[in-house]
Amino acid sequence: MDMEGMDMCPKHGKEKKKIEIYCKDHSKFCCIECRVKHKKCNRVEKIANATADKWSELHALKQSLLTLESGADAIIAECKHSETGLIESIAKIS
């Protein structure tokens, strides 16, 4: 996917260095060259590894959202049905 330069290191982007690492200690994305500054950081990981580990978690979240959406649709349908019944009842009273 073409990221239109957004995947380039802010410091070394002109040298065509792509972001490959995320430092959780500093909340920064880095290229391999910038990694030197973060060698003492405890929570540094390659972006490819971090995203691969999250796929199952994201899939479970997606399933939960689909279930909630289905439940919300059912509630909306029931409200519309109740509204129709209420309108009919009001019409009969008149």
PDB file of N, CA and C in Angstrom:
ATOM      1  N   MET A   1       0.843  -1.175   0.000  1.00  0.00           N
ATOM      2  CA  MET A   1       0.000   0.000   0.000  1.00  0.00           C
ATOM      3  C   MET A   1       0.887   1.236   0.000  1.00  0.00           C
ATOM      4  N   ASP A   2       0.541   2.180  -0.822  1.00  0.00           N
ATOM      5  CA  ASP A   2       1.304   3.425  -0.884  1.00  0.00           C
ATOM      6  C   ASP A   2       0.862   4.334   0.253  1.00  0.00           C
ATOM      7  N   MET A   3       1.770   4.610   1.163  1.00  0.00           N
ATOM      8  CA  MET A   3       1.472   5.450   2.325  1.00  0.00           C
ATOM      9  C   MET A   3       1.755   6.924   2.056  1.00  0.00           C
ATOM     10  N   GLU A   4       2.142   7.241   0.825  1.00  0.00           N
ATOM     11  CA  GLU A   4       2.403   8.612   0.409  1.00  0.00           C
ATOM     12  C   GLU A   4       3.383   9.329   1.344  1.00  0.00           C
ATOM     13  N   GLY A   5       4.406   8.603   1.785  1.00  0.00           N
ATOM     14  CA  GLY A   5       5.444   9.197   2.622  1.00  0.00           C
ATOM     15  C   GLY A   5       5.151   9.188   4.105  1.00  0.00           C
ATOM     16  N   MET A   6       3.938   8.792   4.503  1.00  0.00           N
ATOM     17  CA  MET A   6       3.598   8.796   5.922  1.00  0.00           C
ATOM     18  C   MET A   6       4.312   7.681   6.688  1.00  0.00           C
ATOM     19  N   ASP A   7       4.882   6.706   5.969  1.00  0.00           N
ATOM     20  CA  ASP A   7       5.608   5.623   6.616  1.00  0.00           C
ATOM     21  C   ASP A   7       7.109   5.899   6.698  1.00  0.00           C
ATOM     22  N   MET A   8       7.483   7.128   6.400  1.00  0.00           N
ATOM     23  CA  MET A   8       8.892   7.515   6.443  1.00  0.00           C
ATOM     24  C   MET A   8       9.226   8.147   7.800  1.00  0.00           C
ATOM     25  N   CYS A   9      10.425   7.898   8.241  1.00  0.00           N
ATOM     26  CA  CYS A   9      10.904   8.438   9.507  1.00  0.00           C
ATOM     27  C   CYS A   9      10.907   9.968   9.429  1.00  0.00           C
ATOM     28  N   PRO A  10      10.369  10.646  10.444  1.00  0.00           N
ATOM     29  CA  PRO A  10      10.360  12.110  10.417  1.00  0.00           C
ATOM     30  C   PRO A  10      11.775  12.704  10.362  1.00  0.00           C
ATOM     31  N   LYS A  11      12.727  12.019  10.978  1.00  0.00           N
ATOM     32  CA  LYS A  11      14.096  12.535  11.021  1.00  0.00           C
ATOM     33  C   LYS A  11      14.911  12.097   9.799  1.00  0.00           C
ATOM     34  N   HIS A  12      14.665  10.893   9.300  1.00  0.00           N
ATOM     35  CA  HIS A  12      15.475  10.337   8.214  1.00  0.00           C
ATOM     36  C   HIS A  12      14.664  10.047   6.952  1.00  0.00           C
ATOM     37  N   GLY A  13      13.518  10.652   6.808  1.00  0.00           N
ATOM     38  CA  GLY A  13      12.654  10.420   5.655  1.00  0.00           C
ATOM     39  C   GLY A  13      13.266  10.837   4.336  1.00  0.00           C
ATOM     40  N   LYS A  14      14.056  11.892   4.372  1.00  0.00           N
ATOM     41  CA  LYS A  14      14.709  12.347   3.138  1.00  0.00           C
ATOM     42  C   LYS A  14      15.716  11.319   2.634  1.00  0.00           C
ATOM     43  N   GLU A  15      16.201  10.499   3.558  1.00  0.00           N
ATOM     44  CA  GLU A  15      17.143   9.438   3.204  1.00  0.00           C
ATOM     45  C   GLU A  15      16.398   8.142   2.869  1.00  0.00           C
ATOM     46  N   LYS A  16      15.077   8.238   2.757  1.00  0.00           N
ATOM     47  CA  LYS A  16      14.216   7.102   2.424  1.00  0.00           C
ATOM     48  C   LYS A  16      14.259   5.993   3.471  1.00  0.00           C
ATOM     49  N   LYS A  17      14.337   6.379   4.748  1.00  0.00           N
ATOM     50  CA  LYS A  17      14.314   5.414   5.841  1.00  0.00           C
ATOM     51  C   LYS A  17      12.868   5.233   6.291  1.00  0.00           C
ATOM     52  N   LYS A  18      12.366   4.014   6.184  1.00  0.00           N
ATOM     53  CA  LYS A  18      10.987   3.733   6.575  1.00  0.00           C
ATOM     54  C   LYS A  18      10.886   3.473   8.071  1.00  0.00           C
ATOM     55  N   ILE A  19       9.747   3.814   8.632  1.00  0.00           N
ATOM     56  CA  ILE A  19       9.462   3.521  10.032  1.00  0.00           C
ATOM     57  C   ILE A  19       9.301   2.008  10.157  1.00  0.00           C
ATOM     58  N   GLU A  20      10.050   1.428  11.071  1.00  0.00           N
ATOM     59  CA  GLU A  20       9.987  -0.014  11.282  1.00  0.00           C
ATOM     60  C   GLU A  20       9.820  -0.390  12.748  1.00  0.00           C
ATOM     61  N   ILE A  21      10.022   0.577  13.644  1.00  0.00           N
ATOM     62  CA  ILE A  21      10.052   0.294  15.074  1.00  0.00           C
ATOM     63  C   ILE A  21       9.142   1.266  15.817  1.00  0.00           C
ATOM     64  N   TYR A  22       8.564   0.777  16.920  1.00  0.00           N
ATOM     65  CA  TYR A  22       7.774   1.648  17.798  1.00  0.00           C
ATOM     66  C   TYR A  22       8.350   1.534  19.204  1.00  0.00           C
ATOM     67  N   CYS A  23       8.694   2.667  19.798  1.00  0.00           N
ATOM     68  CA  CYS A  23       9.185   2.712  21.177  1.00  0.00           C
ATOM     69  C   CYS A  23       8.011   3.105  22.070  1.00  0.00           C
ATOM     70  N   LYS A  24       7.551   2.144  22.858  1.00  0.00           N
ATOM     71  CA  LYS A  24       6.428   2.418  23.761  1.00  0.00           C
ATOM     72  C   LYS A  24       6.843   3.342  24.906  1.00  0.00           C
ATOM     73  N   ASP A  25       8.116   3.274  25.295  1.00  0.00           N
ATOM     74  CA  ASP A  25       8.594   4.136  26.380  1.00  0.00           C
ATOM     75  C   ASP A  25       8.469   5.616  26.029  1.00  0.00           C
ATOM     76  N   HIS A  26       8.694   5.956  24.764  1.00  0.00           N
ATOM     77  CA  HIS A  26       8.652   7.350  24.317  1.00  0.00           C
ATOM     78  C   HIS A  26       7.461   7.641  23.404  1.00  0.00           C
ATOM     79  N   SER A  27       6.653   6.626  23.113  1.00  0.00           N
ATOM     80  CA  SER A  27       5.510   6.755  22.196  1.00  0.00           C
ATOM     81  C   SER A  27       5.949   7.353  20.860  1.00  0.00           C
ATOM     82  N   LYS A  28       7.003   6.747  20.286  1.00  0.00           N
ATOM     83  CA  LYS A  28       7.554   7.254  19.023  1.00  0.00           C
ATOM     84  C   LYS A  28       7.768   6.130  18.032  1.00  0.00           C
ATOM     85  N   PHE A  29       7.509   6.452  16.765  1.00  0.00           N
ATOM     86  CA  PHE A  29       7.836   5.560  15.668  1.00  0.00           C
ATOM     87  C   PHE A  29       9.235   5.919  15.186  1.00  0.00           C
ATOM     88  N   CYS A  30      10.031   4.894  14.825  1.00  0.00           N
ATOM     89  CA  CYS A  30      11.412   5.143  14.433  1.00  0.00           C
ATOM     90  C   CYS A  30      11.824   4.258  13.257  1.00  0.00           C
ATOM     91  N   CYS A  31      12.891   4.690  12.611  1.00  0.00           N
ATOM     92  CA  CYS A  31      13.531   3.847  11.603  1.00  0.00           C
ATOM     93  C   CYS A  31      14.644   3.071  12.309  1.00  0.00           C
ATOM     94  N   ILE A  32      15.294   2.189  11.577  1.00  0.00           N
ATOM     95  CA  ILE A  32      16.384   1.402  12.156  1.00  0.00           C
ATOM     96  C   ILE A  32      17.515   2.306  12.650  1.00  0.00           C
ATOM     97  N   GLU A  33      17.795   3.374  11.938  1.00  0.00           N
ATOM     98  CA  GLU A  33      18.863   4.295  12.332  1.00  0.00           C
ATOM     99  C   GLU A  33      18.539   4.982  13.665  1.00  0.00           C
ATOM    100  N   CYS A  34      17.285   5.347  13.866  1.00  0.00           N
ATOM    101  CA  CYS A  34      16.870   5.994  15.119  1.00  0.00           C
ATOM    102  C   CYS A  34      16.874   5.011  16.295  1.00  0.00           C
ATOM    103  N   ARG A  35      16.850   3.741  16.004  1.00  0.00           N
ATOM    104  CA  ARG A  35      16.797   2.705  17.044  1.00  0.00           C
ATOM    105  C   ARG A  35      17.953   2.847  18.031  1.00  0.00           C
ATOM    106  N   VAL A  36      19.066   3.374  17.568  1.00  0.00           N
ATOM    107  CA  VAL A  36      20.248   3.543  18.416  1.00  0.00           C
ATOM    108  C   VAL A  36      19.910   4.388  19.642  1.00  0.00           C
ATOM    109  N   LYS A  37      19.085   5.426  19.457  1.00  0.00           N
ATOM    110  CA  LYS A  37      18.704   6.302  20.573  1.00  0.00           C
ATOM    111  C   LYS A  37      17.836   5.574  21.593  1.00  0.00           C
ATOM    112  N   HIS A  38      17.195   4.501  21.180  1.00  0.00           N
ATOM    113  CA  HIS A  38      16.248   3.801  22.046  1.00  0.00           C
ATOM    114  C   HIS A  38      16.772   2.442  22.513  1.00  0.00           C
ATOM    115  N   LYS A  39      18.084   2.233  22.429  1.00  0.00           N
ATOM    116  CA  LYS A  39      18.644   0.926  22.788  1.00  0.00           C
ATOM    117  C   LYS A  39      18.498   0.620  24.280  1.00  0.00           C
ATOM    118  N   LYS A  40      18.368   1.638  25.117  1.00  0.00           N
ATOM    119  CA  LYS A  40      18.187   1.411  26.548  1.00  0.00           C
ATOM    120  C   LYS A  40      16.713   1.321  26.940  1.00  0.00           C
ATOM    121  N   CYS A  41      15.825   1.579  26.010  1.00  0.00           N
ATOM    122  CA  CYS A  41      14.400   1.504  26.291  1.00  0.00           C
ATOM    123  C   CYS A  41      13.979   0.047  26.450  1.00  0.00           C
ATOM    124  N   ASN A  42      13.031  -0.190  27.337  1.00  0.00           N
ATOM    125  CA  ASN A  42      12.590  -1.553  27.619  1.00  0.00           C
ATOM    126  C   ASN A  42      11.483  -2.036  26.694  1.00  0.00           C
ATOM    127  N   ARG A  43      10.711  -1.112  26.179  1.00  0.00           N
ATOM    128  CA  ARG A  43       9.537  -1.516  25.397  1.00  0.00           C
ATOM    129  C   ARG A  43       9.645  -1.019  23.953  1.00  0.00           C
ATOM    130  N   VAL A  44      10.528  -1.654  23.200  1.00  0.00           N
ATOM    131  CA  VAL A  44      10.727  -1.333  21.792  1.00  0.00           C
ATOM    132  C   VAL A  44      10.407  -2.596  21.004  1.00  0.00           C
ATOM    133  N   GLU A  45       9.581  -2.457  19.975  1.00  0.00           N
ATOM    134  CA  GLU A  45       9.265  -3.632  19.174  1.00  0.00           C
ATOM    135  C   GLU A  45       9.094  -3.266  17.707  1.00  0.00           C
ATOM    136  N   LYS A  46       9.371  -4.245  16.860  1.00  0.00           N
ATOM    137  CA  LYS A  46       9.174  -4.040  15.433  1.00  0.00           C
ATOM    138  C   LYS A  46       7.687  -3.952  15.160  1.00  0.00           C
ATOM    139  N   ILE A  47       7.291  -3.047  14.315  1.00  0.00           N
ATOM    140  CA  ILE A  47       5.879  -2.830  14.012  1.00  0.00           C
ATOM    141  C   ILE A  47       5.253  -4.090  13.432  1.00  0.00           C
ATOM    142  N   ALA A  48       5.962  -4.799  12.563  1.00  0.00           N
ATOM    143  CA  ALA A  48       5.422  -6.014  11.959  1.00  0.00           C
ATOM    144  C   ALA A  48       5.074  -7.043  13.027  1.00  0.00           C
ATOM    145  N   ASN A  49       5.918  -7.201  14.038  1.00  0.00           N
ATOM    146  CA  ASN A  49       5.644  -8.151  15.118  1.00  0.00           C
ATOM    147  C   ASN A  49       4.473  -7.694  15.974  1.00  0.00           C
ATOM    148  N   ALA A  50       4.416  -6.417  16.257  1.00  0.00           N
ATOM    149  CA  ALA A  50       3.355  -5.871  17.107  1.00  0.00           C
ATOM    150  C   ALA A  50       1.996  -6.047  16.448  1.00  0.00           C
ATOM    151  N   THR A  51       1.913  -5.802  15.164  1.00  0.00           N
ATOM    152  CA  THR A  51       0.623  -5.911  14.488  1.00  0.00           C
ATOM    153  C   THR A  51       0.207  -7.356  14.311  1.00  0.00           C
ATOM    154  N   ALA A  52       1.150  -8.255  14.073  1.00  0.00           N
ATOM    155  CA  ALA A  52       0.808  -9.669  13.908  1.00  0.00           C
ATOM    156  C   ALA A  52       0.204 -10.233  15.184  1.00  0.00           C
ATOM    157  N   ASP A  53       0.699  -9.823  16.328  1.00  0.00           N
ATOM    158  CA  ASP A  53       0.192 -10.310  17.610  1.00  0.00           C
ATOM    159  C   ASP A  53      -1.217  -9.806  17.902  1.00  0.00           C
ATOM    160  N   LYS A  54      -1.609  -8.722  17.315  1.00  0.00           N
ATOM    161  CA  LYS A  54      -2.897  -8.097  17.616  1.00  0.00           C
ATOM    162  C   LYS A  54      -4.044  -8.605  16.748  1.00  0.00           C
ATOM    163  N   TRP A  55      -3.757  -9.390  15.685  1.00  0.00           N
ATOM    164  CA  TRP A  55      -4.819  -9.801  14.763  1.00  0.00           C
ATOM    165  C   TRP A  55      -5.934 -10.568  15.456  1.00  0.00           C
ATOM    166  N   SER A  56      -5.600 -11.524  16.312  1.00  0.00           N
ATOM    167  CA  SER A  56      -6.651 -12.303  16.975  1.00  0.00           C
ATOM    168  C   SER A  56      -7.470 -11.414  17.905  1.00  0.00           C
ATOM    169  N   GLU A  57      -6.803 -10.498  18.578  1.00  0.00           N
ATOM    170  CA  GLU A  57      -7.503  -9.559  19.463  1.00  0.00           C
ATOM    171  C   GLU A  57      -8.442  -8.658  18.660  1.00  0.00           C
ATOM    172  N   LEU A  58      -7.977  -8.180  17.522  1.00  0.00           N
ATOM    173  CA  LEU A  58      -8.810  -7.330  16.666  1.00  0.00           C
ATOM    174  C   LEU A  58      -9.982  -8.111  16.076  1.00  0.00           C
ATOM    175  N   HIS A  59      -9.752  -9.375  15.736  1.00  0.00           N
ATOM    176  CA  HIS A  59     -10.830 -10.208  15.205  1.00  0.00           C
ATOM    177  C   HIS A  59     -11.924 -10.403  16.259  1.00  0.00           C
ATOM    178  N   ALA A  60     -11.529 -10.676  17.497  1.00  0.00           N
ATOM    179  CA  ALA A  60     -12.501 -10.832  18.584  1.00  0.00           C
ATOM    180  C   ALA A  60     -13.271  -9.533  18.811  1.00  0.00           C
ATOM    181  N   LEU A  61     -12.591  -8.407  18.744  1.00  0.00           N
ATOM    182  CA  LEU A  61     -13.242  -7.108  18.901  1.00  0.00           C
ATOM    183  C   LEU A  61     -14.242  -6.872  17.776  1.00  0.00           C
ATOM    184  N   LYS A  62     -13.862  -7.230  16.557  1.00  0.00           N
ATOM    185  CA  LYS A  62     -14.767  -7.077  15.419  1.00  0.00           C
ATOM    186  C   LYS A  62     -16.023  -7.915  15.611  1.00  0.00           C
ATOM    187  N   GLN A  63     -15.860  -9.147  16.080  1.00  0.00           N
ATOM    188  CA  GLN A  63     -17.013 -10.012  16.317  1.00  0.00           C
ATOM    189  C   GLN A  63     -17.925  -9.419  17.391  1.00  0.00           C
ATOM    190  N   SER A  64     -17.339  -8.868  18.432  1.00  0.00           N
ATOM    191  CA  SER A  64     -18.137  -8.221  19.488  1.00  0.00           C
ATOM    192  C   SER A  64     -18.926  -7.040  18.937  1.00  0.00           C
ATOM    193  N   LEU A  65     -18.265  -6.239  18.095  1.00  0.00           N
ATOM    194  CA  LEU A  65     -18.942  -5.081  17.503  1.00  0.00           C
ATOM    195  C   LEU A  65     -20.080  -5.508  16.585  1.00  0.00           C
ATOM    196  N   LEU A  66     -19.883  -6.579  15.825  1.00  0.00           N
ATOM    197  CA  LEU A  66     -20.946  -7.079  14.956  1.00  0.00           C
ATOM    198  C   LEU A  66     -22.134  -7.569  15.777  1.00  0.00           C
ATOM    199  N   THR A  67     -21.857  -8.235  16.891  1.00  0.00           N
ATOM    200  CA  THR A  67     -22.923  -8.700  17.777  1.00  0.00           C
ATOM    201  C   THR A  67     -23.689  -7.514  18.363  1.00  0.00           C
ATOM    202  N   LEU A  68     -22.963  -6.500  18.805  1.00  0.00           N
ATOM    203  CA  LEU A  68     -23.604  -5.300  19.351  1.00  0.00           C
ATOM    204  C   LEU A  68     -24.427  -4.579  18.286  1.00  0.00           C
ATOM    205  N   GLU A  69     -23.911  -4.522  17.071  1.00  0.00           N
ATOM    206  CA  GLU A  69     -24.647  -3.881  15.985  1.00  0.00           C
ATOM    207  C   GLU A  69     -25.953  -4.624  15.708  1.00  0.00           C
ATOM    208  N   SER A  70     -25.890  -5.932  15.713  1.00  0.00           N
ATOM    209  CA  SER A  70     -27.085  -6.737  15.491  1.00  0.00           C
ATOM    210  C   SER A  70     -28.119  -6.493  16.599  1.00  0.00           C
ATOM    211  N   GLY A  71     -27.643  -6.438  17.829  1.00  0.00           N
ATOM    212  CA  GLY A  71     -28.531  -6.157  18.957  1.00  0.00           C
ATOM    213  C   GLY A  71     -29.147  -4.771  18.855  1.00  0.00           C
ATOM    214  N   ALA A  72     -28.363  -3.800  18.457  1.00  0.00           N
ATOM    215  CA  ALA A  72     -28.861  -2.431  18.300  1.00  0.00           C
ATOM    216  C   ALA A  72     -29.911  -2.368  17.195  1.00  0.00           C
ATOM    217  N   ASP A  73     -29.675  -3.097  16.095  1.00  0.00           N
ATOM    218  CA  ASP A  73     -30.656  -3.131  15.007  1.00  0.00           C
ATOM    219  C   ASP A  73     -31.979  -3.727  15.478  1.00  0.00           C
ATOM    220  N   ALA A  74     -31.895  -4.762  16.303  1.00  0.00           N
ATOM    221  CA  ALA A  74     -33.110  -5.383  16.837  1.00  0.00           C
ATOM    222  C   ALA A  74     -33.872  -4.410  17.740  1.00  0.00           C
ATOM    223  N   ILE A  75     -33.160  -3.660  18.546  1.00  0.00           N
ATOM    224  CA  ILE A  75     -33.794  -2.674  19.433  1.00  0.00           C
ATOM    225  C   ILE A  75     -34.458  -1.577  18.609  1.00  0.00           C
ATOM    226  N   ILE A  76     -33.781  -1.119  17.577  1.00  0.00           N
ATOM    227  CA  ILE A  76     -34.351  -0.079  16.705  1.00  0.00           C
ATOM    228  C   ILE A  76     -35.616  -0.581  16.030  1.00  0.00           C
ATOM    229  N   ALA A  77     -35.580  -1.811  15.548  1.00  0.00           N
ATOM    230  CA  ALA A  77     -36.764  -2.386  14.899  1.00  0.00           C
ATOM    231  C   ALA A  77     -37.921  -2.490  15.883  1.00  0.00           C
ATOM    232  N   GLU A  78     -37.646  -2.898  17.107  1.00  0.00           N
ATOM    233  CA  GLU A  78     -38.693  -3.006  18.132  1.00  0.00           C
ATOM    234  C   GLU A  78     -39.264  -1.627  18.475  1.00  0.00           C
ATOM    235  N   CYS A  79     -38.431  -0.621  18.544  1.00  0.00           N
ATOM    236  CA  CYS A  79     -38.897   0.744  18.824  1.00  0.00           C
ATOM    237  C   CYS A  79     -39.797   1.251  17.700  1.00  0.00           C
ATOM    238  N   LYS A  80     -39.421   0.971  16.459  1.00  0.00           N
ATOM    239  CA  LYS A  80     -40.247   1.390  15.323  1.00  0.00           C
ATOM    240  C   LYS A  80     -41.590   0.672  15.337  1.00  0.00           C
ATOM    241  N   HIS A  81     -41.570  -0.610  15.697  1.00  0.00           N
ATOM    242  CA  HIS A  81     -42.815  -1.375  15.794  1.00  0.00           C
ATOM    243  C   HIS A  81     -43.709  -0.801  16.893  1.00  0.00           C
ATOM    244  N   SER A  82     -43.105  -0.484  18.027  1.00  0.00           N
ATOM    245  CA  SER A  82     -43.864   0.112  19.138  1.00  0.00           C
ATOM    246  C   SER A  82     -44.422   1.474  18.749  1.00  0.00           C
ATOM    247  N   GLU A  83     -43.635   2.252  18.023  1.00  0.00           N
ATOM    248  CA  GLU A  83     -44.083   3.572  17.574  1.00  0.00           C
ATOM    249  C   GLU A  83     -45.296   3.444  16.658  1.00  0.00           C
ATOM    250  N   THR A  84     -45.225   2.491  15.745  1.00  0.00           N
ATOM    251  CA  THR A  84     -46.353   2.262  14.835  1.00  0.00           C
ATOM    252  C   THR A  84     -47.597   1.879  15.621  1.00  0.00           C
ATOM    253  N   GLY A  85     -47.447   0.976  16.597  1.00  0.00           N
ATOM    254  CA  GLY A  85     -48.580   0.573  17.438  1.00  0.00           C
ATOM    255  C   GLY A  85     -49.139   1.734  18.231  1.00  0.00           C
ATOM    256  N   LEU A  86     -48.276   2.594  18.736  1.00  0.00           N
ATOM    257  CA  LEU A  86     -48.706   3.763  19.501  1.00  0.00           C
ATOM    258  C   LEU A  86     -49.477   4.738  18.618  1.00  0.00           C
ATOM    259  N   ILE A  87     -49.000   4.957  17.410  1.00  0.00           N
ATOM    260  CA  ILE A  87     -49.682   5.858  16.473  1.00  0.00           C
ATOM    261  C   ILE A  87     -51.066   5.319  16.144  1.00  0.00           C
ATOM    262  N   GLU A  88     -51.169   4.006  15.943  1.00  0.00           N
ATOM    263  CA  GLU A  88     -52.477   3.387  15.666  1.00  0.00           C
ATOM    264  C   GLU A  88     -53.414   3.526  16.847  1.00  0.00           C
ATOM    265  N   SER A  89     -52.892   3.352  18.059  1.00  0.00           N
ATOM    266  CA  SER A  89     -53.718   3.493  19.272  1.00  0.00           C
ATOM    267  C   SER A  89     -54.219   4.918  19.427  1.00  0.00           C
ATOM    268  N   ILE A  90     -53.385   5.893  19.154  1.00  0.00           N
ATOM    269  CA  ILE A  90     -53.767   7.300  19.252  1.00  0.00           C
ATOM    270  C   ILE A  90     -54.851   7.606  18.213  1.00  0.00           C
ATOM    271  N   ALA A  91     -54.705   7.044  17.021  1.00  0.00           N
ATOM    272  CA  ALA A  91     -55.696   7.267  15.964  1.00  0.00           C
ATOM    273  C   ALA A  91     -57.058   6.702  16.368  1.00  0.00           C
ATOM    274  N   LYS A  92     -57.075   5.558  17.041  1.00  0.00           N
ATOM    275  CA  LYS A  92     -58.338   4.947  17.479  1.00  0.00           C
ATOM    276  C   LYS A  92     -59.025   5.775  18.562  1.00  0.00           C
ATOM    277  N   ILE A  93     -58.233   6.400  19.417  1.00  0.00           N
ATOM    278  CA  ILE A  93     -58.784   7.220  20.501  1.00  0.00           C
ATOM    279  C   ILE A  93     -59.499   8.445  19.915  1.00  0.00           C
ATOM    280  N   SER A  94     -58.914   9.010  18.897  1.00  0.00           N
ATOM    281  CA  SER A  94     -59.497  10.194  18.287  1.00  0.00           C
ATOM    282  C   SER A  94     -60.799   9.832  17.643  1.00  0.00           C
TER     283      SER A  94
END
